[in-house]
Amino acid sequence: MTGAGVGLRFLRGVCGVVTAGLVVLAICVAVTQYLGHSRGFPGPGALSVAAHVLAAVVVVLAQRVVDHRRGSAAVLGAIVVFGVSGLVLWTQWWQ
C-alpha cells in the first residue's frame, strides 16, 4: 500500500468493509440454516446458503486484487466487490 494515493486507499478501505460485511452475512445465513435444520424450522434454504458462500469467496478474491494491485486492476476488483455484493443483496434479500 506504499505510494498509493488517497483515493485508492479510501477505495480499498470501503471495499474491505463491504467484503467483511458479506463474509459475516454468509456465516450468519449458514448458521441460520444449520440451526433451522437441527431445530425443525425452515431456514433460508441450501440455494441461499450456497449463493452467499460463493459470493463471499468471489468477493474475498476480488478484495485481494484490490489490496495488492494498483490502477485499473484495483478499480476492476472494486467493481467486482460492489457488483457481487449488490447482486447478492438484490437477489437474496430484496426479491
PDB file of N, CA and C in Angstrom:
ATOM      1  N   MET A   1       0.818  -1.168   0.000  1.00  0.00           N
ATOM      2  CA  MET A   1       0.000   0.000   0.000  1.00  0.00           C
ATOM      3  C   MET A   1       0.874   1.248   0.000  1.00  0.00           C
ATOM      4  N   THR A   2       2.157   1.103  -0.022  1.00  0.00           N
ATOM      5  CA  THR A   2       3.067   2.228  -0.042  1.00  0.00           C
ATOM      6  C   THR A   2       2.935   2.958  -1.373  1.00  0.00           C
ATOM      7  N   GLY A   3       2.834   4.270  -1.300  1.00  0.00           N
ATOM      8  CA  GLY A   3       2.753   5.064  -2.514  1.00  0.00           C
ATOM      9  C   GLY A   3       1.380   5.143  -3.128  1.00  0.00           C
ATOM     10  N   ALA A   4       0.390   4.528  -2.537  1.00  0.00           N
ATOM     11  CA  ALA A   4      -0.963   4.582  -3.082  1.00  0.00           C
ATOM     12  C   ALA A   4      -1.574   5.931  -2.749  1.00  0.00           C
ATOM     13  N   GLY A   5      -2.347   6.462  -3.688  1.00  0.00           N
ATOM     14  CA  GLY A   5      -2.998   7.737  -3.468  1.00  0.00           C
ATOM     15  C   GLY A   5      -4.110   7.627  -2.446  1.00  0.00           C
ATOM     16  N   VAL A   6      -4.570   8.793  -2.012  1.00  0.00           N
ATOM     17  CA  VAL A   6      -5.631   8.841  -1.009  1.00  0.00           C
ATOM     18  C   VAL A   6      -6.897   8.173  -1.541  1.00  0.00           C
ATOM     19  N   GLY A   7      -7.216   8.400  -2.791  1.00  0.00           N
ATOM     20  CA  GLY A   7      -8.419   7.804  -3.374  1.00  0.00           C
ATOM     21  C   GLY A   7      -8.369   6.291  -3.396  1.00  0.00           C
ATOM     22  N   LEU A   8      -7.216   5.747  -3.750  1.00  0.00           N
ATOM     23  CA  LEU A   8      -7.079   4.287  -3.790  1.00  0.00           C
ATOM     24  C   LEU A   8      -7.121   3.694  -2.385  1.00  0.00           C
ATOM     25  N   ARG A   9      -6.516   4.376  -1.424  1.00  0.00           N
ATOM     26  CA  ARG A   9      -6.583   3.885  -0.040  1.00  0.00           C
ATOM     27  C   ARG A   9      -8.022   3.911   0.474  1.00  0.00           C
ATOM     28  N   PHE A  10      -8.755   4.961   0.134  1.00  0.00           N
ATOM     29  CA  PHE A  10     -10.155   5.039   0.532  1.00  0.00           C
ATOM     30  C   PHE A  10     -10.967   3.913  -0.118  1.00  0.00           C
ATOM     31  N   LEU A  11     -10.728   3.684  -1.417  1.00  0.00           N
ATOM     32  CA  LEU A  11     -11.428   2.610  -2.131  1.00  0.00           C
ATOM     33  C   LEU A  11     -11.121   1.253  -1.508  1.00  0.00           C
ATOM     34  N   ARG A  12      -9.878   1.027  -1.163  1.00  0.00           N
ATOM     35  CA  ARG A  12      -9.502  -0.236  -0.514  1.00  0.00           C
ATOM     36  C   ARG A  12     -10.205  -0.407   0.826  1.00  0.00           C
ATOM     37  N   GLY A  13     -10.297   0.671   1.580  1.00  0.00           N
ATOM     38  CA  GLY A  13     -10.968   0.599   2.878  1.00  0.00           C
ATOM     39  C   GLY A  13     -12.447   0.307   2.754  1.00  0.00           C
ATOM     40  N   VAL A  14     -13.114   1.003   1.844  1.00  0.00           N
ATOM     41  CA  VAL A  14     -14.557   0.781   1.652  1.00  0.00           C
ATOM     42  C   VAL A  14     -14.817  -0.628   1.133  1.00  0.00           C
ATOM     43  N   CYS A  15     -13.997  -1.077   0.202  1.00  0.00           N
ATOM     44  CA  CYS A  15     -14.156  -2.447  -0.311  1.00  0.00           C
ATOM     45  C   CYS A  15     -13.907  -3.481   0.779  1.00  0.00           C
ATOM     46  N   GLY A  16     -12.965  -3.205   1.655  1.00  0.00           N
ATOM     47  CA  GLY A  16     -12.699  -4.121   2.759  1.00  0.00           C
ATOM     48  C   GLY A  16     -13.884  -4.232   3.699  1.00  0.00           C
ATOM     49  N   VAL A  17     -14.531  -3.106   3.965  1.00  0.00           N
ATOM     50  CA  VAL A  17     -15.712  -3.124   4.834  1.00  0.00           C
ATOM     51  C   VAL A  17     -16.846  -3.911   4.175  1.00  0.00           C
ATOM     52  N   VAL A  18     -17.070  -3.691   2.886  1.00  0.00           N
ATOM     53  CA  VAL A  18     -18.125  -4.411   2.169  1.00  0.00           C
ATOM     54  C   VAL A  18     -17.813  -5.903   2.139  1.00  0.00           C
ATOM     55  N   THR A  19     -16.564  -6.243   1.897  1.00  0.00           N
ATOM     56  CA  THR A  19     -16.158  -7.651   1.878  1.00  0.00           C
ATOM     57  C   THR A  19     -16.386  -8.312   3.237  1.00  0.00           C
ATOM     58  N   ALA A  20     -15.962  -7.650   4.289  1.00  0.00           N
ATOM     59  CA  ALA A  20     -16.162  -8.206   5.629  1.00  0.00           C
ATOM     60  C   ALA A  20     -17.646  -8.369   5.944  1.00  0.00           C
ATOM     61  N   GLY A  21     -18.441  -7.400   5.541  1.00  0.00           N
ATOM     62  CA  GLY A  21     -19.880  -7.495   5.770  1.00  0.00           C
ATOM     63  C   GLY A  21     -20.505  -8.676   5.054  1.00  0.00           C
ATOM     64  N   LEU A  22     -20.087  -8.921   3.806  1.00  0.00           N
ATOM     65  CA  LEU A  22     -20.645 -10.045   3.068  1.00  0.00           C
ATOM     66  C   LEU A  22     -20.195 -11.382   3.648  1.00  0.00           C
ATOM     67  N   VAL A  23     -18.962 -11.452   4.138  1.00  0.00           N
ATOM     68  CA  VAL A  23     -18.483 -12.690   4.770  1.00  0.00           C
ATOM     69  C   VAL A  23     -19.281 -12.972   6.043  1.00  0.00           C
ATOM     70  N   VAL A  24     -19.497 -11.940   6.857  1.00  0.00           N
ATOM     71  CA  VAL A  24     -20.292 -12.113   8.079  1.00  0.00           C
ATOM     72  C   VAL A  24     -21.722 -12.514   7.725  1.00  0.00           C
ATOM     73  N   LEU A  25     -22.282 -11.909   6.698  1.00  0.00           N
ATOM     74  CA  LEU A  25     -23.633 -12.260   6.266  1.00  0.00           C
ATOM     75  C   LEU A  25     -23.706 -13.721   5.820  1.00  0.00           C
ATOM     76  N   ALA A  26     -22.710 -14.183   5.076  1.00  0.00           N
ATOM     77  CA  ALA A  26     -22.690 -15.582   4.631  1.00  0.00           C
ATOM     78  C   ALA A  26     -22.610 -16.534   5.822  1.00  0.00           C
ATOM     79  N   ILE A  27     -21.809 -16.181   6.805  1.00  0.00           N
ATOM     80  CA  ILE A  27     -21.705 -17.018   8.010  1.00  0.00           C
ATOM     81  C   ILE A  27     -23.042 -17.050   8.741  1.00  0.00           C
ATOM     82  N   CYS A  28     -23.685 -15.904   8.870  1.00  0.00           N
ATOM     83  CA  CYS A  28     -24.981 -15.850   9.558  1.00  0.00           C
ATOM     84  C   CYS A  28     -26.047 -16.666   8.842  1.00  0.00           C
ATOM     85  N   VAL A  29     -26.069 -16.603   7.514  1.00  0.00           N
ATOM     86  CA  VAL A  29     -27.052 -17.383   6.751  1.00  0.00           C
ATOM     87  C   VAL A  29     -26.779 -18.874   6.909  1.00  0.00           C
ATOM     88  N   ALA A  30     -25.517 -19.272   6.881  1.00  0.00           N
ATOM     89  CA  ALA A  30     -25.174 -20.688   7.050  1.00  0.00           C
ATOM     90  C   ALA A  30     -25.540 -21.180   8.441  1.00  0.00           C
ATOM     91  N   VAL A  31     -25.261 -20.382   9.462  1.00  0.00           N
ATOM     92  CA  VAL A  31     -25.605 -20.774  10.834  1.00  0.00           C
ATOM     93  C   VAL A  31     -27.117 -20.857  10.999  1.00  0.00           C
ATOM     94  N   THR A  32     -27.828 -19.915  10.408  1.00  0.00           N
ATOM     95  CA  THR A  32     -29.292 -19.941  10.479  1.00  0.00           C
ATOM     96  C   THR A  32     -29.856 -21.189   9.807  1.00  0.00           C
ATOM     97  N   GLN A  33     -29.293 -21.579   8.685  1.00  0.00           N
ATOM     98  CA  GLN A  33     -29.741 -22.794   8.009  1.00  0.00           C
ATOM     99  C   GLN A  33     -29.474 -24.018   8.884  1.00  0.00           C
ATOM    100  N   TYR A  34     -28.292 -24.072   9.488  1.00  0.00           N
ATOM    101  CA  TYR A  34     -27.952 -25.196  10.363  1.00  0.00           C
ATOM    102  C   TYR A  34     -28.892 -25.266  11.557  1.00  0.00           C
ATOM    103  N   LEU A  35     -29.106 -24.130  12.207  1.00  0.00           N
ATOM    104  CA  LEU A  35     -29.989 -24.123  13.377  1.00  0.00           C
ATOM    105  C   LEU A  35     -31.432 -24.456  12.989  1.00  0.00           C
ATOM    106  N   GLY A  36     -31.858 -23.944  11.869  1.00  0.00           N
ATOM    107  CA  GLY A  36     -33.208 -24.260  11.413  1.00  0.00           C
ATOM    108  C   GLY A  36     -33.384 -25.738  11.153  1.00  0.00           C
ATOM    109  N   HIS A  37     -32.410 -26.329  10.496  1.00  0.00           N
ATOM    110  CA  HIS A  37     -32.491 -27.757  10.193  1.00  0.00           C
ATOM    111  C   HIS A  37     -32.450 -28.596  11.473  1.00  0.00           C
ATOM    112  N   SER A  38     -31.590 -28.222  12.407  1.00  0.00           N
ATOM    113  CA  SER A  38     -31.449 -29.030  13.619  1.00  0.00           C
ATOM    114  C   SER A  38     -32.608 -28.844  14.594  1.00  0.00           C
ATOM    115  N   ARG A  39     -33.327 -27.740  14.495  1.00  0.00           N
ATOM    116  CA  ARG A  39     -34.420 -27.484  15.427  1.00  0.00           C
ATOM    117  C   ARG A  39     -35.802 -27.604  14.794  1.00  0.00           C
ATOM    118  N   GLY A  40     -35.851 -28.009  13.552  1.00  0.00           N
ATOM    119  CA  GLY A  40     -37.116 -28.318  12.923  1.00  0.00           C
ATOM    120  C   GLY A  40     -37.909 -27.137  12.393  1.00  0.00           C
ATOM    121  N   PHE A  41     -37.256 -26.020  12.091  1.00  0.00           N
ATOM    122  CA  PHE A  41     -37.979 -24.936  11.432  1.00  0.00           C
ATOM    123  C   PHE A  41     -37.253 -24.586  10.133  1.00  0.00           C
ATOM    124  N   PRO A  42     -37.985 -24.033   9.167  1.00  0.00           N
ATOM    125  CA  PRO A  42     -37.362 -23.787   7.867  1.00  0.00           C
ATOM    126  C   PRO A  42     -36.317 -22.672   7.948  1.00  0.00           C
ATOM    127  N   GLY A  43     -35.196 -22.925   7.367  1.00  0.00           N
ATOM    128  CA  GLY A  43     -34.137 -21.922   7.291  1.00  0.00           C
ATOM    129  C   GLY A  43     -34.176 -21.242   5.928  1.00  0.00           C
ATOM    130  N   PRO A  44     -33.124 -20.553   5.582  1.00  0.00           N
ATOM    131  CA  PRO A  44     -33.100 -19.839   4.307  1.00  0.00           C
ATOM    132  C   PRO A  44     -33.030 -20.759   3.090  1.00  0.00           C
ATOM    133  N   GLY A  45     -32.581 -21.972   3.249  1.00  0.00           N
ATOM    134  CA  GLY A  45     -32.500 -22.920   2.146  1.00  0.00           C
ATOM    135  C   GLY A  45     -31.078 -23.094   1.638  1.00  0.00           C
ATOM    136  N   ALA A  46     -30.846 -24.240   1.054  1.00  0.00           N
ATOM    137  CA  ALA A  46     -29.499 -24.581   0.585  1.00  0.00           C
ATOM    138  C   ALA A  46     -29.044 -23.667  -0.545  1.00  0.00           C
ATOM    139  N   LEU A  47     -29.966 -23.281  -1.421  1.00  0.00           N
ATOM    140  CA  LEU A  47     -29.606 -22.402  -2.535  1.00  0.00           C
ATOM    141  C   LEU A  47     -29.146 -21.034  -2.023  1.00  0.00           C
ATOM    142  N   SER A  48     -29.825 -20.510  -1.040  1.00  0.00           N
ATOM    143  CA  SER A  48     -29.442 -19.220  -0.475  1.00  0.00           C
ATOM    144  C   SER A  48     -28.094 -19.302   0.231  1.00  0.00           C
ATOM    145  N   VAL A  49     -27.863 -20.365   0.963  1.00  0.00           N
ATOM    146  CA  VAL A  49     -26.574 -20.552   1.636  1.00  0.00           C
ATOM    147  C   VAL A  49     -25.466 -20.649   0.602  1.00  0.00           C
ATOM    148  N   ALA A  50     -25.680 -21.436  -0.442  1.00  0.00           N
ATOM    149  CA  ALA A  50     -24.673 -21.597  -1.493  1.00  0.00           C
ATOM    150  C   ALA A  50     -24.383 -20.266  -2.185  1.00  0.00           C
ATOM    151  N   ALA A  51     -25.420 -19.494  -2.466  1.00  0.00           N
ATOM    152  CA  ALA A  51     -25.233 -18.195  -3.118  1.00  0.00           C
ATOM    153  C   ALA A  51     -24.410 -17.257  -2.244  1.00  0.00           C
ATOM    154  N   HIS A  52     -24.706 -17.223  -0.953  1.00  0.00           N
ATOM    155  CA  HIS A  52     -23.965 -16.350  -0.048  1.00  0.00           C
ATOM    156  C   HIS A  52     -22.511 -16.786   0.100  1.00  0.00           C
ATOM    157  N   VAL A  53     -22.275 -18.075   0.230  1.00  0.00           N
ATOM    158  CA  VAL A  53     -20.904 -18.571   0.399  1.00  0.00           C
ATOM    159  C   VAL A  53     -20.093 -18.356  -0.876  1.00  0.00           C
ATOM    160  N   LEU A  54     -20.681 -18.650  -2.030  1.00  0.00           N
ATOM    161  CA  LEU A  54     -19.985 -18.434  -3.301  1.00  0.00           C
ATOM    162  C   LEU A  54     -19.669 -16.952  -3.494  1.00  0.00           C
ATOM    163  N   ALA A  55     -20.623 -16.100  -3.206  1.00  0.00           N
ATOM    164  CA  ALA A  55     -20.392 -14.663  -3.333  1.00  0.00           C
ATOM    165  C   ALA A  55     -19.299 -14.200  -2.384  1.00  0.00           C
ATOM    166  N   ALA A  56     -19.280 -14.723  -1.164  1.00  0.00           N
ATOM    167  CA  ALA A  56     -18.246 -14.343  -0.206  1.00  0.00           C
ATOM    168  C   ALA A  56     -16.857 -14.750  -0.698  1.00  0.00           C
ATOM    169  N   VAL A  57     -16.751 -15.923  -1.282  1.00  0.00           N
ATOM    170  CA  VAL A  57     -15.456 -16.379  -1.814  1.00  0.00           C
ATOM    171  C   VAL A  57     -15.007 -15.478  -2.961  1.00  0.00           C
ATOM    172  N   VAL A  58     -15.914 -15.166  -3.883  1.00  0.00           N
ATOM    173  CA  VAL A  58     -15.578 -14.306  -5.017  1.00  0.00           C
ATOM    174  C   VAL A  58     -15.156 -12.924  -4.534  1.00  0.00           C
ATOM    175  N   VAL A  59     -15.874 -12.384  -3.564  1.00  0.00           N
ATOM    176  CA  VAL A  59     -15.576 -11.043  -3.069  1.00  0.00           C
ATOM    177  C   VAL A  59     -14.238 -11.018  -2.326  1.00  0.00           C
ATOM    178  N   VAL A  60     -13.926 -12.050  -1.572  1.00  0.00           N
ATOM    179  CA  VAL A  60     -12.631 -12.102  -0.879  1.00  0.00           C
ATOM    180  C   VAL A  60     -11.491 -12.157  -1.895  1.00  0.00           C
ATOM    181  N   LEU A  61     -11.648 -12.932  -2.952  1.00  0.00           N
ATOM    182  CA  LEU A  61     -10.621 -12.986  -4.001  1.00  0.00           C
ATOM    183  C   LEU A  61     -10.481 -11.645  -4.706  1.00  0.00           C
ATOM    184  N   ALA A  62     -11.598 -10.994  -4.984  1.00  0.00           N
ATOM    185  CA  ALA A  62     -11.552  -9.676  -5.616  1.00  0.00           C
ATOM    186  C   ALA A  62     -10.922  -8.646  -4.683  1.00  0.00           C
ATOM    187  N   GLN A  63     -11.182  -8.767  -3.392  1.00  0.00           N
ATOM    188  CA  GLN A  63     -10.580  -7.852  -2.421  1.00  0.00           C
ATOM    189  C   GLN A  63      -9.072  -8.011  -2.384  1.00  0.00           C
ATOM    190  N   ARG A  64      -8.592  -9.212  -2.555  1.00  0.00           N
ATOM    191  CA  ARG A  64      -7.140  -9.417  -2.616  1.00  0.00           C
ATOM    192  C   ARG A  64      -6.538  -8.679  -3.800  1.00  0.00           C
ATOM    193  N   VAL A  65      -7.255  -8.682  -4.924  1.00  0.00           N
ATOM    194  CA  VAL A  65      -6.781  -7.930  -6.095  1.00  0.00           C
ATOM    195  C   VAL A  65      -6.747  -6.441  -5.773  1.00  0.00           C
ATOM    196  N   VAL A  66      -7.805  -5.955  -5.138  1.00  0.00           N
ATOM    197  CA  VAL A  66      -7.853  -4.538  -4.776  1.00  0.00           C
ATOM    198  C   VAL A  66      -6.697  -4.176  -3.848  1.00  0.00           C
ATOM    199  N   ASP A  67      -6.396  -5.030  -2.900  1.00  0.00           N
ATOM    200  CA  ASP A  67      -5.346  -4.748  -1.925  1.00  0.00           C
ATOM    201  C   ASP A  67      -3.941  -4.838  -2.496  1.00  0.00           C
ATOM    202  N   HIS A  68      -3.729  -5.680  -3.503  1.00  0.00           N
ATOM    203  CA  HIS A  68      -2.371  -5.949  -3.954  1.00  0.00           C
ATOM    204  C   HIS A  68      -2.032  -5.357  -5.317  1.00  0.00           C
ATOM    205  N   ARG A  69      -2.976  -4.744  -5.981  1.00  0.00           N
ATOM    206  CA  ARG A  69      -2.721  -4.155  -7.294  1.00  0.00           C
ATOM    207  C   ARG A  69      -2.945  -2.654  -7.244  1.00  0.00           C
ATOM    208  N   ARG A  70      -2.555  -2.005  -8.311  1.00  0.00           N
ATOM    209  CA  ARG A  70      -2.766  -0.567  -8.460  1.00  0.00           C
ATOM    210  C   ARG A  70      -3.492  -0.304  -9.770  1.00  0.00           C
ATOM    211  N   GLY A  71      -3.979   0.904  -9.902  1.00  0.00           N
ATOM    212  CA  GLY A  71      -4.552   1.348 -11.158  1.00  0.00           C
ATOM    213  C   GLY A  71      -5.843   0.649 -11.512  1.00  0.00           C
ATOM    214  N   SER A  72      -5.952   0.318 -12.796  1.00  0.00           N
ATOM    215  CA  SER A  72      -7.214  -0.228 -13.310  1.00  0.00           C
ATOM    216  C   SER A  72      -7.526  -1.615 -12.747  1.00  0.00           C
ATOM    217  N   ALA A  73      -6.525  -2.387 -12.396  1.00  0.00           N
ATOM    218  CA  ALA A  73      -6.776  -3.712 -11.808  1.00  0.00           C
ATOM    219  C   ALA A  73      -7.440  -3.567 -10.446  1.00  0.00           C
ATOM    220  N   ALA A  74      -6.990  -2.599  -9.662  1.00  0.00           N
ATOM    221  CA  ALA A  74      -7.598  -2.374  -8.354  1.00  0.00           C
ATOM    222  C   ALA A  74      -9.026  -1.870  -8.504  1.00  0.00           C
ATOM    223  N   VAL A  75      -9.237  -0.974  -9.449  1.00  0.00           N
ATOM    224  CA  VAL A  75     -10.588  -0.450  -9.679  1.00  0.00           C
ATOM    225  C   VAL A  75     -11.508  -1.557 -10.178  1.00  0.00           C
ATOM    226  N   LEU A  76     -11.029  -2.404 -11.060  1.00  0.00           N
ATOM    227  CA  LEU A  76     -11.835  -3.526 -11.547  1.00  0.00           C
ATOM    228  C   LEU A  76     -12.183  -4.484 -10.405  1.00  0.00           C
ATOM    229  N   GLY A  77     -11.234  -4.740  -9.533  1.00  0.00           N
ATOM    230  CA  GLY A  77     -11.515  -5.571  -8.363  1.00  0.00           C
ATOM    231  C   GLY A  77     -12.577  -4.949  -7.477  1.00  0.00           C
ATOM    232  N   ALA A  78     -12.526  -3.637  -7.303  1.00  0.00           N
ATOM    233  CA  ALA A  78     -13.535  -2.933  -6.505  1.00  0.00           C
ATOM    234  C   ALA A  78     -14.909  -3.022  -7.155  1.00  0.00           C
ATOM    235  N   ILE A  79     -14.951  -2.926  -8.470  1.00  0.00           N
ATOM    236  CA  ILE A  79     -16.227  -3.063  -9.187  1.00  0.00           C
ATOM    237  C   ILE A  79     -16.805  -4.456  -8.965  1.00  0.00           C
ATOM    238  N   VAL A  80     -15.953  -5.465  -8.963  1.00  0.00           N
ATOM    239  CA  VAL A  80     -16.414  -6.833  -8.703  1.00  0.00           C
ATOM    240  C   VAL A  80     -16.949  -6.947  -7.280  1.00  0.00           C
ATOM    241  N   VAL A  81     -16.245  -6.365  -6.315  1.00  0.00           N
ATOM    242  CA  VAL A  81     -16.706  -6.408  -4.917  1.00  0.00           C
ATOM    243  C   VAL A  81     -18.090  -5.784  -4.799  1.00  0.00           C
ATOM    244  N   PHE A  82     -18.239  -4.567  -5.318  1.00  0.00           N
ATOM    245  CA  PHE A  82     -19.526  -3.880  -5.204  1.00  0.00           C
ATOM    246  C   PHE A  82     -20.611  -4.560  -6.031  1.00  0.00           C
ATOM    247  N   GLY A  83     -20.255  -5.045  -7.216  1.00  0.00           N
ATOM    248  CA  GLY A  83     -21.239  -5.702  -8.082  1.00  0.00           C
ATOM    249  C   GLY A  83     -21.765  -7.006  -7.507  1.00  0.00           C
ATOM    250  N   VAL A  84     -20.869  -7.854  -7.046  1.00  0.00           N
ATOM    251  CA  VAL A  84     -21.286  -9.145  -6.487  1.00  0.00           C
ATOM    252  C   VAL A  84     -22.061  -8.935  -5.184  1.00  0.00           C
ATOM    253  N   SER A  85     -21.605  -8.008  -4.364  1.00  0.00           N
ATOM    254  CA  SER A  85     -22.326  -7.725  -3.112  1.00  0.00           C
ATOM    255  C   SER A  85     -23.728  -7.201  -3.399  1.00  0.00           C
ATOM    256  N   GLY A  86     -23.833  -6.297  -4.334  1.00  0.00           N
ATOM    257  CA  GLY A  86     -25.144  -5.775  -4.715  1.00  0.00           C
ATOM    258  C   GLY A  86     -26.038  -6.845  -5.308  1.00  0.00           C
ATOM    259  N   LEU A  87     -25.462  -7.731  -6.115  1.00  0.00           N
ATOM    260  CA  LEU A  87     -26.238  -8.816  -6.713  1.00  0.00           C
ATOM    261  C   LEU A  87     -26.784  -9.765  -5.648  1.00  0.00           C
ATOM    262  N   VAL A  88     -25.961 -10.100  -4.666  1.00  0.00           N
ATOM    263  CA  VAL A  88     -26.427 -10.980  -3.586  1.00  0.00           C
ATOM    264  C   VAL A  88     -27.535 -10.307  -2.792  1.00  0.00           C
ATOM    265  N   LEU A  89     -27.337  -9.052  -2.449  1.00  0.00           N
ATOM    266  CA  LEU A  89     -28.375  -8.342  -1.702  1.00  0.00           C
ATOM    267  C   LEU A  89     -29.673  -8.238  -2.497  1.00  0.00           C
ATOM    268  N   TRP A  90     -29.549  -7.969  -3.780  1.00  0.00           N
ATOM    269  CA  TRP A  90     -30.741  -7.841  -4.609  1.00  0.00           C
ATOM    270  C   TRP A  90     -31.479  -9.167  -4.764  1.00  0.00           C
ATOM    271  N   THR A  91     -30.752 -10.225  -5.079  1.00  0.00           N
ATOM    272  CA  THR A  91     -31.422 -11.499  -5.370  1.00  0.00           C
ATOM    273  C   THR A  91     -31.835 -12.267  -4.122  1.00  0.00           C
ATOM    274  N   GLN A  92     -31.097 -12.118  -3.023  1.00  0.00           N
ATOM    275  CA  GLN A  92     -31.384 -12.931  -1.841  1.00  0.00           C
ATOM    276  C   GLN A  92     -32.162 -12.196  -0.756  1.00  0.00           C
ATOM    277  N   TRP A  93     -32.158 -10.874  -0.796  1.00  0.00           N
ATOM    278  CA  TRP A  93     -32.790 -10.131   0.290  1.00  0.00           C
ATOM    279  C   TRP A  93     -33.921  -9.220  -0.174  1.00  0.00           C
ATOM    280  N   TRP A  94     -33.828  -8.649  -1.366  1.00  0.00           N
ATOM    281  CA  TRP A  94     -34.827  -7.663  -1.782  1.00  0.00           C
ATOM    282  C   TRP A  94     -35.853  -8.219  -2.746  1.00  0.00           C
ATOM    283  N   GLN A  95     -35.738  -9.456  -3.135  1.00  0.00           N
ATOM    284  CA  GLN A  95     -36.710 -10.044  -4.077  1.00  0.00           C
ATOM    285  C   GLN A  95     -37.796 -10.776  -3.345  1.00  0.00           C
TER     286      GLN A  95
END
